[in-house]
Amino acid sequence: MSPEQEQSFDEFVAARYAALRRTGYLLCGDWHLAEDLAQTTLVKLYARWNRLRDPESAAGYARTTLVRSYIDTRRLRRSHELPSPELPEPTAAGQPDPERRLALLAALAQVSPAYRAALVLRFWEDQSVEATAAALRQSPGTVKSNTSRGLAQLRVILGDSLREIAAS
C-alpha cells in the first residue's frame, strides 16, 4: 500500500472507529465484543483499502462488513448477551435520558439477531431500506418485514414499560 493510501486509511480509522464500535455495541450488547467486531472490520477493510474504487464508499463497506461479521459470529457462538449496566456513552443535551436509553438497549439485546441488525441499521444508523438491504444482502421487502417484526418483538419485550418510556 502506498504512503498516501496508508495515510487515508489512518484518517478513516480516526474518523470512523468510534461509530463502528458504537454500532457493534448496539448489535451485540457487549463493549468487548463490539471492540472485536470493529477491529475485525478494520482488518478486513485494510486488506481491501487499495482496491476501493471510491474512498467515499469506505464507510458503507465498513458498516456492511461489521454487520456481516456480527451475524457470522452469532451463527458460530449462539450465546446470549447480557445487557451491561453501564451507559454506553455519556448523555448530553438533546439525548434521551439514561433510564430510557438503558431500557431500550436492554430490550434490543433480547430481539433476535436478524431483526436487531435491521433495527440498528434502520433507526440507530439512520440507513434507508435499500442501504440496509444491501448491507444485509436481503431484499428491501425482507428488510421491511424484519424491521416490522423486530419492532413487534420490542413492543412485547417492553410491554407496559413502553408507555412509561413514551410518557417520560
N, C-alpha and C. Protein backbone atom coordinates (compact mmCIF):
# COMPACT_ATOMS: atom_id res chain seq x y z
N MET A 1 0.85 -1.17 0.00
CA MET A 1 0.00 0.00 0.00
C MET A 1 0.90 1.23 0.00
N SER A 2 0.52 2.21 -0.77
CA SER A 2 1.32 3.43 -0.88
C SER A 2 1.19 4.27 0.40
N PRO A 3 2.15 5.16 0.63
CA PRO A 3 2.06 6.03 1.82
C PRO A 3 0.78 6.88 1.84
N GLU A 4 0.32 7.31 0.66
CA GLU A 4 -0.91 8.09 0.60
C GLU A 4 -2.11 7.24 1.03
N GLN A 5 -2.13 5.98 0.58
CA GLN A 5 -3.22 5.09 0.96
C GLN A 5 -3.17 4.77 2.46
N GLU A 6 -1.97 4.58 2.99
CA GLU A 6 -1.81 4.36 4.43
C GLU A 6 -2.37 5.54 5.21
N GLN A 7 -2.03 6.75 4.76
CA GLN A 7 -2.50 7.94 5.44
C GLN A 7 -4.02 8.07 5.35
N SER A 8 -4.58 7.78 4.18
CA SER A 8 -6.04 7.90 4.04
C SER A 8 -6.74 6.84 4.90
N PHE A 9 -6.15 5.65 5.02
CA PHE A 9 -6.73 4.64 5.90
C PHE A 9 -6.66 5.09 7.36
N ASP A 10 -5.52 5.62 7.78
CA ASP A 10 -5.37 6.12 9.14
C ASP A 10 -6.40 7.21 9.44
N GLU A 11 -6.63 8.09 8.49
CA GLU A 11 -7.62 9.15 8.66
C GLU A 11 -9.04 8.57 8.77
N PHE A 12 -9.31 7.55 7.96
CA PHE A 12 -10.61 6.90 8.02
C PHE A 12 -10.82 6.28 9.40
N VAL A 13 -9.82 5.57 9.90
CA VAL A 13 -9.92 4.93 11.21
C VAL A 13 -10.16 5.98 12.29
N ALA A 14 -9.41 7.06 12.25
CA ALA A 14 -9.57 8.12 13.25
C ALA A 14 -10.98 8.71 13.21
N ALA A 15 -11.54 8.83 12.02
CA ALA A 15 -12.86 9.45 11.88
C ALA A 15 -14.00 8.49 12.18
N ARG A 16 -13.86 7.21 11.89
CA ARG A 16 -14.99 6.28 11.93
C ARG A 16 -14.93 5.20 13.01
N TYR A 17 -13.81 5.08 13.72
CA TYR A 17 -13.69 3.98 14.67
C TYR A 17 -14.77 4.03 15.75
N ALA A 18 -15.00 5.17 16.35
CA ALA A 18 -15.99 5.28 17.42
C ALA A 18 -17.38 4.88 16.93
N ALA A 19 -17.73 5.28 15.73
CA ALA A 19 -19.05 4.93 15.18
C ALA A 19 -19.15 3.42 14.92
N LEU A 20 -18.08 2.82 14.43
CA LEU A 20 -18.08 1.36 14.20
C LEU A 20 -18.24 0.62 15.53
N ARG A 21 -17.52 1.06 16.54
CA ARG A 21 -17.58 0.42 17.85
C ARG A 21 -18.98 0.58 18.45
N ARG A 22 -19.57 1.76 18.32
CA ARG A 22 -20.91 2.01 18.84
C ARG A 22 -21.94 1.12 18.13
N THR A 23 -21.83 1.02 16.83
CA THR A 23 -22.75 0.15 16.08
C THR A 23 -22.55 -1.31 16.51
N GLY A 24 -21.29 -1.71 16.70
CA GLY A 24 -21.02 -3.06 17.19
C GLY A 24 -21.67 -3.30 18.53
N TYR A 25 -21.62 -2.30 19.42
CA TYR A 25 -22.25 -2.44 20.73
C TYR A 25 -23.76 -2.58 20.59
N LEU A 26 -24.35 -1.78 19.73
CA LEU A 26 -25.79 -1.87 19.54
C LEU A 26 -26.20 -3.23 19.00
N LEU A 27 -25.35 -3.83 18.20
CA LEU A 27 -25.65 -5.15 17.65
C LEU A 27 -25.50 -6.26 18.70
N CYS A 28 -24.40 -6.22 19.47
CA CYS A 28 -24.11 -7.36 20.34
C CYS A 28 -24.34 -7.11 21.82
N GLY A 29 -24.42 -5.85 22.24
CA GLY A 29 -24.69 -5.55 23.64
C GLY A 29 -23.52 -5.72 24.58
N ASP A 30 -22.32 -5.81 24.06
CA ASP A 30 -21.12 -6.01 24.89
C ASP A 30 -19.99 -5.17 24.30
N TRP A 31 -19.40 -4.31 25.14
CA TRP A 31 -18.36 -3.42 24.63
C TRP A 31 -17.12 -4.17 24.17
N HIS A 32 -16.78 -5.27 24.83
CA HIS A 32 -15.59 -6.03 24.43
C HIS A 32 -15.81 -6.71 23.07
N LEU A 33 -16.98 -7.29 22.89
CA LEU A 33 -17.28 -7.89 21.59
C LEU A 33 -17.41 -6.82 20.51
N ALA A 34 -17.93 -5.66 20.89
CA ALA A 34 -18.03 -4.56 19.93
C ALA A 34 -16.64 -4.12 19.47
N GLU A 35 -15.71 -4.08 20.41
CA GLU A 35 -14.32 -3.75 20.08
C GLU A 35 -13.75 -4.79 19.10
N ASP A 36 -14.02 -6.07 19.38
CA ASP A 36 -13.55 -7.13 18.48
C ASP A 36 -14.16 -6.99 17.09
N LEU A 37 -15.46 -6.70 17.04
CA LEU A 37 -16.13 -6.53 15.75
C LEU A 37 -15.54 -5.36 14.97
N ALA A 38 -15.30 -4.25 15.66
CA ALA A 38 -14.73 -3.07 14.99
C ALA A 38 -13.33 -3.39 14.47
N GLN A 39 -12.52 -4.07 15.27
CA GLN A 39 -11.16 -4.41 14.83
C GLN A 39 -11.18 -5.40 13.67
N THR A 40 -12.05 -6.39 13.75
CA THR A 40 -12.18 -7.34 12.64
C THR A 40 -12.58 -6.62 11.36
N THR A 41 -13.50 -5.69 11.49
CA THR A 41 -13.95 -4.90 10.34
C THR A 41 -12.79 -4.11 9.74
N LEU A 42 -12.00 -3.47 10.60
CA LEU A 42 -10.88 -2.66 10.10
C LEU A 42 -9.79 -3.52 9.46
N VAL A 43 -9.57 -4.72 9.98
CA VAL A 43 -8.59 -5.63 9.36
C VAL A 43 -9.05 -6.00 7.95
N LYS A 44 -10.33 -6.33 7.83
CA LYS A 44 -10.87 -6.69 6.51
C LYS A 44 -10.84 -5.50 5.56
N LEU A 45 -11.15 -4.32 6.09
CA LEU A 45 -11.14 -3.12 5.27
C LEU A 45 -9.71 -2.78 4.83
N TYR A 46 -8.76 -2.93 5.73
CA TYR A 46 -7.35 -2.64 5.40
C TYR A 46 -6.88 -3.52 4.24
N ALA A 47 -7.30 -4.78 4.26
CA ALA A 47 -6.89 -5.71 3.20
C ALA A 47 -7.44 -5.29 1.83
N ARG A 48 -8.55 -4.58 1.83
CA ARG A 48 -9.17 -4.17 0.56
C ARG A 48 -8.97 -2.69 0.25
N TRP A 49 -8.33 -1.95 1.14
CA TRP A 49 -8.26 -0.50 1.01
C TRP A 49 -7.72 -0.03 -0.34
N ASN A 50 -6.65 -0.67 -0.81
CA ASN A 50 -6.06 -0.23 -2.08
C ASN A 50 -6.92 -0.58 -3.29
N ARG A 51 -7.96 -1.41 -3.09
CA ARG A 51 -8.83 -1.79 -4.20
C ARG A 51 -10.16 -1.04 -4.20
N LEU A 52 -10.38 -0.22 -3.20
CA LEU A 52 -11.62 0.56 -3.18
C LEU A 52 -11.58 1.59 -4.31
N ARG A 53 -12.58 1.54 -5.14
CA ARG A 53 -12.63 2.49 -6.26
C ARG A 53 -13.00 3.88 -5.78
N ASP A 54 -13.89 3.93 -4.83
CA ASP A 54 -14.37 5.21 -4.33
C ASP A 54 -14.13 5.27 -2.82
N PRO A 55 -13.15 6.04 -2.36
CA PRO A 55 -12.88 6.12 -0.92
C PRO A 55 -14.09 6.60 -0.11
N GLU A 56 -15.00 7.30 -0.75
CA GLU A 56 -16.20 7.76 -0.06
C GLU A 56 -17.12 6.59 0.32
N SER A 57 -16.97 5.47 -0.36
CA SER A 57 -17.81 4.31 -0.06
C SER A 57 -17.25 3.46 1.08
N ALA A 58 -16.11 3.84 1.62
CA ALA A 58 -15.46 3.06 2.68
C ALA A 58 -16.34 2.93 3.91
N ALA A 59 -17.08 3.97 4.29
CA ALA A 59 -17.92 3.91 5.49
C ALA A 59 -19.03 2.88 5.30
N GLY A 60 -19.65 2.86 4.14
CA GLY A 60 -20.69 1.87 3.87
C GLY A 60 -20.13 0.46 3.83
N TYR A 61 -18.96 0.31 3.22
CA TYR A 61 -18.32 -1.01 3.16
C TYR A 61 -17.99 -1.47 4.59
N ALA A 62 -17.47 -0.57 5.41
CA ALA A 62 -17.12 -0.93 6.79
C ALA A 62 -18.37 -1.32 7.57
N ARG A 63 -19.44 -0.57 7.42
CA ARG A 63 -20.68 -0.88 8.15
C ARG A 63 -21.22 -2.25 7.71
N THR A 64 -21.21 -2.50 6.42
CA THR A 64 -21.67 -3.79 5.91
C THR A 64 -20.81 -4.92 6.44
N THR A 65 -19.50 -4.73 6.44
CA THR A 65 -18.58 -5.75 6.95
C THR A 65 -18.82 -5.99 8.43
N LEU A 66 -19.06 -4.93 9.19
CA LEU A 66 -19.31 -5.06 10.62
C LEU A 66 -20.57 -5.89 10.88
N VAL A 67 -21.64 -5.59 10.18
CA VAL A 67 -22.90 -6.31 10.37
C VAL A 67 -22.74 -7.78 9.97
N ARG A 68 -22.09 -8.02 8.86
CA ARG A 68 -21.89 -9.41 8.42
C ARG A 68 -20.99 -10.17 9.39
N SER A 69 -19.99 -9.52 9.93
CA SER A 69 -19.12 -10.17 10.92
C SER A 69 -19.92 -10.51 12.17
N TYR A 70 -20.79 -9.60 12.58
CA TYR A 70 -21.64 -9.86 13.74
C TYR A 70 -22.53 -11.07 13.49
N ILE A 71 -23.18 -11.11 12.34
CA ILE A 71 -24.08 -12.22 12.04
C ILE A 71 -23.30 -13.52 11.97
N ASP A 72 -22.11 -13.51 11.37
CA ASP A 72 -21.29 -14.71 11.30
C ASP A 72 -20.88 -15.20 12.68
N THR A 73 -20.48 -14.30 13.57
CA THR A 73 -20.07 -14.73 14.91
C THR A 73 -21.27 -15.23 15.70
N ARG A 74 -22.45 -14.66 15.46
CA ARG A 74 -23.65 -15.15 16.14
C ARG A 74 -23.96 -16.58 15.71
N ARG A 75 -23.77 -16.86 14.45
CA ARG A 75 -24.04 -18.22 13.97
C ARG A 75 -23.09 -19.21 14.61
N LEU A 76 -21.85 -18.79 14.83
CA LEU A 76 -20.86 -19.69 15.40
C LEU A 76 -21.04 -19.87 16.90
N ARG A 77 -21.40 -18.82 17.61
CA ARG A 77 -21.42 -18.84 19.06
C ARG A 77 -22.75 -19.24 19.67
N ARG A 78 -23.80 -18.64 19.21
CA ARG A 78 -25.15 -18.88 19.75
C ARG A 78 -25.24 -18.63 21.25
N SER A 79 -24.49 -17.69 21.76
CA SER A 79 -24.57 -17.36 23.18
C SER A 79 -25.59 -16.24 23.38
N HIS A 80 -25.98 -16.06 24.62
CA HIS A 80 -26.93 -15.00 24.95
C HIS A 80 -26.17 -13.84 25.58
N GLU A 81 -26.44 -12.65 25.09
CA GLU A 81 -25.80 -11.48 25.65
C GLU A 81 -26.54 -11.03 26.88
N LEU A 82 -25.81 -10.43 27.78
CA LEU A 82 -26.42 -9.80 28.93
C LEU A 82 -26.20 -8.30 28.82
N PRO A 83 -27.25 -7.53 29.00
CA PRO A 83 -27.07 -6.09 28.89
C PRO A 83 -26.13 -5.58 29.98
N SER A 84 -25.36 -4.60 29.62
CA SER A 84 -24.40 -4.00 30.55
C SER A 84 -25.09 -2.94 31.39
N PRO A 85 -24.77 -2.88 32.68
CA PRO A 85 -25.38 -1.83 33.50
C PRO A 85 -24.76 -0.45 33.25
N GLU A 86 -23.68 -0.40 32.48
CA GLU A 86 -23.02 0.86 32.20
C GLU A 86 -23.70 1.58 31.05
N LEU A 87 -23.70 2.91 31.12
CA LEU A 87 -24.17 3.68 29.99
C LEU A 87 -23.17 3.56 28.87
N PRO A 88 -23.61 3.37 27.63
CA PRO A 88 -22.66 3.22 26.54
C PRO A 88 -21.87 4.49 26.24
N GLU A 89 -22.46 5.63 26.49
CA GLU A 89 -21.76 6.89 26.29
C GLU A 89 -22.42 7.92 27.17
N PRO A 90 -21.69 8.96 27.58
CA PRO A 90 -22.30 9.96 28.45
C PRO A 90 -23.44 10.69 27.75
N THR A 91 -24.44 11.06 28.55
CA THR A 91 -25.56 11.77 27.97
C THR A 91 -25.21 13.24 27.79
N ALA A 92 -25.84 13.82 26.83
CA ALA A 92 -25.66 15.25 26.56
C ALA A 92 -27.02 15.84 26.27
N ALA A 93 -27.08 17.13 26.21
CA ALA A 93 -28.34 17.80 25.91
C ALA A 93 -28.90 17.28 24.60
N GLY A 94 -30.20 17.00 24.58
CA GLY A 94 -30.83 16.53 23.36
C GLY A 94 -30.88 15.02 23.24
N GLN A 95 -30.14 14.30 24.08
CA GLN A 95 -30.18 12.84 24.04
C GLN A 95 -31.25 12.36 25.02
N PRO A 96 -31.79 11.15 24.79
CA PRO A 96 -32.77 10.62 25.71
C PRO A 96 -32.14 10.42 27.09
N ASP A 97 -33.00 10.40 28.10
CA ASP A 97 -32.47 10.23 29.45
C ASP A 97 -31.89 8.81 29.60
N PRO A 98 -30.98 8.64 30.56
CA PRO A 98 -30.28 7.36 30.70
C PRO A 98 -31.20 6.17 30.95
N GLU A 99 -32.26 6.36 31.73
CA GLU A 99 -33.16 5.23 32.02
C GLU A 99 -33.85 4.74 30.76
N ARG A 100 -34.30 5.67 29.96
CA ARG A 100 -34.96 5.30 28.70
C ARG A 100 -33.99 4.59 27.79
N ARG A 101 -32.79 5.13 27.69
CA ARG A 101 -31.77 4.55 26.82
C ARG A 101 -31.41 3.13 27.27
N LEU A 102 -31.23 2.93 28.58
CA LEU A 102 -30.89 1.60 29.09
C LEU A 102 -32.04 0.61 28.87
N ALA A 103 -33.26 1.07 29.06
CA ALA A 103 -34.41 0.19 28.83
C ALA A 103 -34.48 -0.24 27.37
N LEU A 104 -34.26 0.70 26.47
CA LEU A 104 -34.30 0.37 25.04
C LEU A 104 -33.14 -0.54 24.64
N LEU A 105 -31.95 -0.28 25.17
CA LEU A 105 -30.81 -1.14 24.85
C LEU A 105 -30.98 -2.54 25.41
N ALA A 106 -31.52 -2.65 26.63
CA ALA A 106 -31.76 -3.98 27.21
C ALA A 106 -32.80 -4.74 26.39
N ALA A 107 -33.85 -4.03 25.96
CA ALA A 107 -34.87 -4.68 25.13
C ALA A 107 -34.29 -5.08 23.79
N LEU A 108 -33.48 -4.20 23.20
CA LEU A 108 -32.86 -4.50 21.91
C LEU A 108 -31.97 -5.75 22.00
N ALA A 109 -31.31 -5.95 23.13
CA ALA A 109 -30.45 -7.12 23.31
C ALA A 109 -31.24 -8.42 23.30
N GLN A 110 -32.55 -8.34 23.54
CA GLN A 110 -33.38 -9.54 23.56
C GLN A 110 -34.03 -9.85 22.21
N VAL A 111 -33.94 -8.92 21.27
CA VAL A 111 -34.52 -9.13 19.94
C VAL A 111 -33.62 -10.08 19.16
N SER A 112 -34.21 -10.93 18.35
CA SER A 112 -33.40 -11.89 17.58
C SER A 112 -32.39 -11.15 16.70
N PRO A 113 -31.22 -11.76 16.44
CA PRO A 113 -30.13 -11.08 15.74
C PRO A 113 -30.50 -10.50 14.38
N ALA A 114 -31.24 -11.21 13.57
CA ALA A 114 -31.59 -10.70 12.24
C ALA A 114 -32.47 -9.46 12.35
N TYR A 115 -33.42 -9.49 13.27
CA TYR A 115 -34.29 -8.34 13.47
C TYR A 115 -33.50 -7.18 14.08
N ARG A 116 -32.61 -7.50 15.01
CA ARG A 116 -31.80 -6.47 15.65
C ARG A 116 -30.92 -5.76 14.63
N ALA A 117 -30.32 -6.52 13.73
CA ALA A 117 -29.47 -5.92 12.70
C ALA A 117 -30.28 -4.93 11.86
N ALA A 118 -31.49 -5.32 11.48
CA ALA A 118 -32.34 -4.43 10.69
C ALA A 118 -32.70 -3.18 11.49
N LEU A 119 -33.04 -3.34 12.76
CA LEU A 119 -33.42 -2.19 13.59
C LEU A 119 -32.25 -1.24 13.81
N VAL A 120 -31.08 -1.80 14.10
CA VAL A 120 -29.90 -0.95 14.34
C VAL A 120 -29.55 -0.15 13.09
N LEU A 121 -29.51 -0.82 11.95
CA LEU A 121 -29.16 -0.11 10.72
C LEU A 121 -30.23 0.92 10.34
N ARG A 122 -31.49 0.57 10.48
CA ARG A 122 -32.56 1.48 10.07
C ARG A 122 -32.70 2.67 11.00
N PHE A 123 -32.66 2.44 12.33
CA PHE A 123 -33.01 3.50 13.26
C PHE A 123 -31.81 4.14 13.95
N TRP A 124 -30.81 3.36 14.37
CA TRP A 124 -29.65 3.97 15.01
C TRP A 124 -28.68 4.53 13.98
N GLU A 125 -28.50 3.80 12.90
CA GLU A 125 -27.59 4.26 11.85
C GLU A 125 -28.30 5.12 10.80
N ASP A 126 -29.62 5.21 10.91
CA ASP A 126 -30.44 6.03 10.02
C ASP A 126 -30.21 5.70 8.54
N GLN A 127 -30.14 4.40 8.25
CA GLN A 127 -29.95 3.94 6.88
C GLN A 127 -31.31 3.75 6.20
N SER A 128 -31.34 3.92 4.90
CA SER A 128 -32.56 3.68 4.14
C SER A 128 -32.82 2.17 4.06
N VAL A 129 -34.01 1.83 3.63
CA VAL A 129 -34.35 0.42 3.44
C VAL A 129 -33.39 -0.21 2.43
N GLU A 130 -33.10 0.51 1.37
CA GLU A 130 -32.22 -0.01 0.32
C GLU A 130 -30.79 -0.21 0.82
N ALA A 131 -30.28 0.75 1.58
CA ALA A 131 -28.91 0.62 2.12
C ALA A 131 -28.84 -0.53 3.11
N THR A 132 -29.88 -0.67 3.92
CA THR A 132 -29.92 -1.78 4.88
C THR A 132 -29.99 -3.11 4.15
N ALA A 133 -30.80 -3.17 3.10
CA ALA A 133 -30.92 -4.39 2.31
C ALA A 133 -29.57 -4.77 1.70
N ALA A 134 -28.85 -3.78 1.19
CA ALA A 134 -27.53 -4.06 0.61
C ALA A 134 -26.56 -4.55 1.67
N ALA A 135 -26.57 -3.94 2.84
CA ALA A 135 -25.65 -4.33 3.92
C ALA A 135 -25.94 -5.75 4.41
N LEU A 136 -27.20 -6.10 4.45
CA LEU A 136 -27.58 -7.42 4.96
C LEU A 136 -27.74 -8.47 3.87
N ARG A 137 -27.55 -8.05 2.62
CA ARG A 137 -27.74 -8.96 1.46
C ARG A 137 -29.14 -9.56 1.47
N GLN A 138 -30.11 -8.68 1.63
CA GLN A 138 -31.51 -9.08 1.66
C GLN A 138 -32.29 -8.19 0.69
N SER A 139 -33.48 -8.61 0.38
CA SER A 139 -34.34 -7.76 -0.45
C SER A 139 -34.92 -6.65 0.43
N PRO A 140 -35.31 -5.53 -0.18
CA PRO A 140 -35.95 -4.48 0.60
C PRO A 140 -37.20 -4.98 1.33
N GLY A 141 -37.94 -5.88 0.73
CA GLY A 141 -39.13 -6.44 1.38
C GLY A 141 -38.79 -7.20 2.64
N THR A 142 -37.68 -7.95 2.60
CA THR A 142 -37.24 -8.69 3.78
C THR A 142 -36.82 -7.73 4.88
N VAL A 143 -36.13 -6.66 4.50
CA VAL A 143 -35.74 -5.66 5.49
C VAL A 143 -36.97 -5.04 6.14
N LYS A 144 -37.97 -4.72 5.33
CA LYS A 144 -39.19 -4.12 5.87
C LYS A 144 -39.89 -5.08 6.84
N SER A 145 -39.98 -6.35 6.44
CA SER A 145 -40.66 -7.31 7.33
C SER A 145 -39.83 -7.58 8.58
N ASN A 146 -38.50 -7.66 8.45
CA ASN A 146 -37.65 -7.85 9.63
C ASN A 146 -37.74 -6.65 10.56
N THR A 147 -37.81 -5.45 10.00
CA THR A 147 -37.96 -4.25 10.82
C THR A 147 -39.30 -4.28 11.55
N SER A 148 -40.35 -4.62 10.84
CA SER A 148 -41.67 -4.69 11.45
C SER A 148 -41.72 -5.74 12.55
N ARG A 149 -41.17 -6.92 12.28
CA ARG A 149 -41.16 -7.99 13.27
C ARG A 149 -40.27 -7.64 14.47
N GLY A 150 -39.16 -6.97 14.19
CA GLY A 150 -38.28 -6.54 15.28
C GLY A 150 -38.96 -5.52 16.18
N LEU A 151 -39.68 -4.58 15.58
CA LEU A 151 -40.43 -3.61 16.38
C LEU A 151 -41.52 -4.29 17.19
N ALA A 152 -42.15 -5.31 16.60
CA ALA A 152 -43.18 -6.06 17.33
C ALA A 152 -42.54 -6.78 18.53
N GLN A 153 -41.36 -7.37 18.33
CA GLN A 153 -40.67 -8.02 19.45
C GLN A 153 -40.33 -7.01 20.53
N LEU A 154 -39.87 -5.82 20.14
CA LEU A 154 -39.56 -4.78 21.12
C LEU A 154 -40.82 -4.40 21.91
N ARG A 155 -41.96 -4.29 21.24
CA ARG A 155 -43.19 -3.93 21.94
C ARG A 155 -43.57 -5.00 22.96
N VAL A 156 -43.41 -6.27 22.60
CA VAL A 156 -43.73 -7.35 23.53
C VAL A 156 -42.74 -7.34 24.70
N ILE A 157 -41.46 -7.16 24.42
CA ILE A 157 -40.44 -7.16 25.46
C ILE A 157 -40.65 -5.99 26.42
N LEU A 158 -40.93 -4.82 25.87
CA LEU A 158 -41.09 -3.63 26.71
C LEU A 158 -42.44 -3.60 27.41
N GLY A 159 -43.46 -4.17 26.81
CA GLY A 159 -44.80 -4.24 27.44
C GLY A 159 -45.26 -2.91 27.98
N ASP A 160 -45.66 -2.90 29.25
CA ASP A 160 -46.16 -1.68 29.89
C ASP A 160 -45.09 -0.63 30.04
N SER A 161 -43.83 -1.05 30.12
CA SER A 161 -42.77 -0.06 30.27
C SER A 161 -42.65 0.81 29.01
N LEU A 162 -43.20 0.34 27.88
CA LEU A 162 -43.18 1.14 26.66
C LEU A 162 -43.98 2.43 26.85
N ARG A 163 -45.14 2.32 27.52
CA ARG A 163 -45.94 3.52 27.80
C ARG A 163 -45.21 4.45 28.75
N GLU A 164 -44.51 3.87 29.74
CA GLU A 164 -43.76 4.68 30.69
C GLU A 164 -42.62 5.41 29.99
N ILE A 165 -41.94 4.72 29.07
CA ILE A 165 -40.83 5.33 28.33
C ILE A 165 -41.36 6.46 27.45
N ALA A 166 -42.48 6.21 26.77
CA ALA A 166 -43.06 7.22 25.89
C ALA A 166 -43.55 8.43 26.68
N ALA A 167 -44.04 8.20 27.89
CA ALA A 167 -44.58 9.29 28.70
C ALA A 167 -43.49 10.17 29.28
N SER A 168 -42.30 9.62 29.47
CA SER A 168 -41.24 10.42 30.11
C SER A 168 -40.53 11.31 29.12
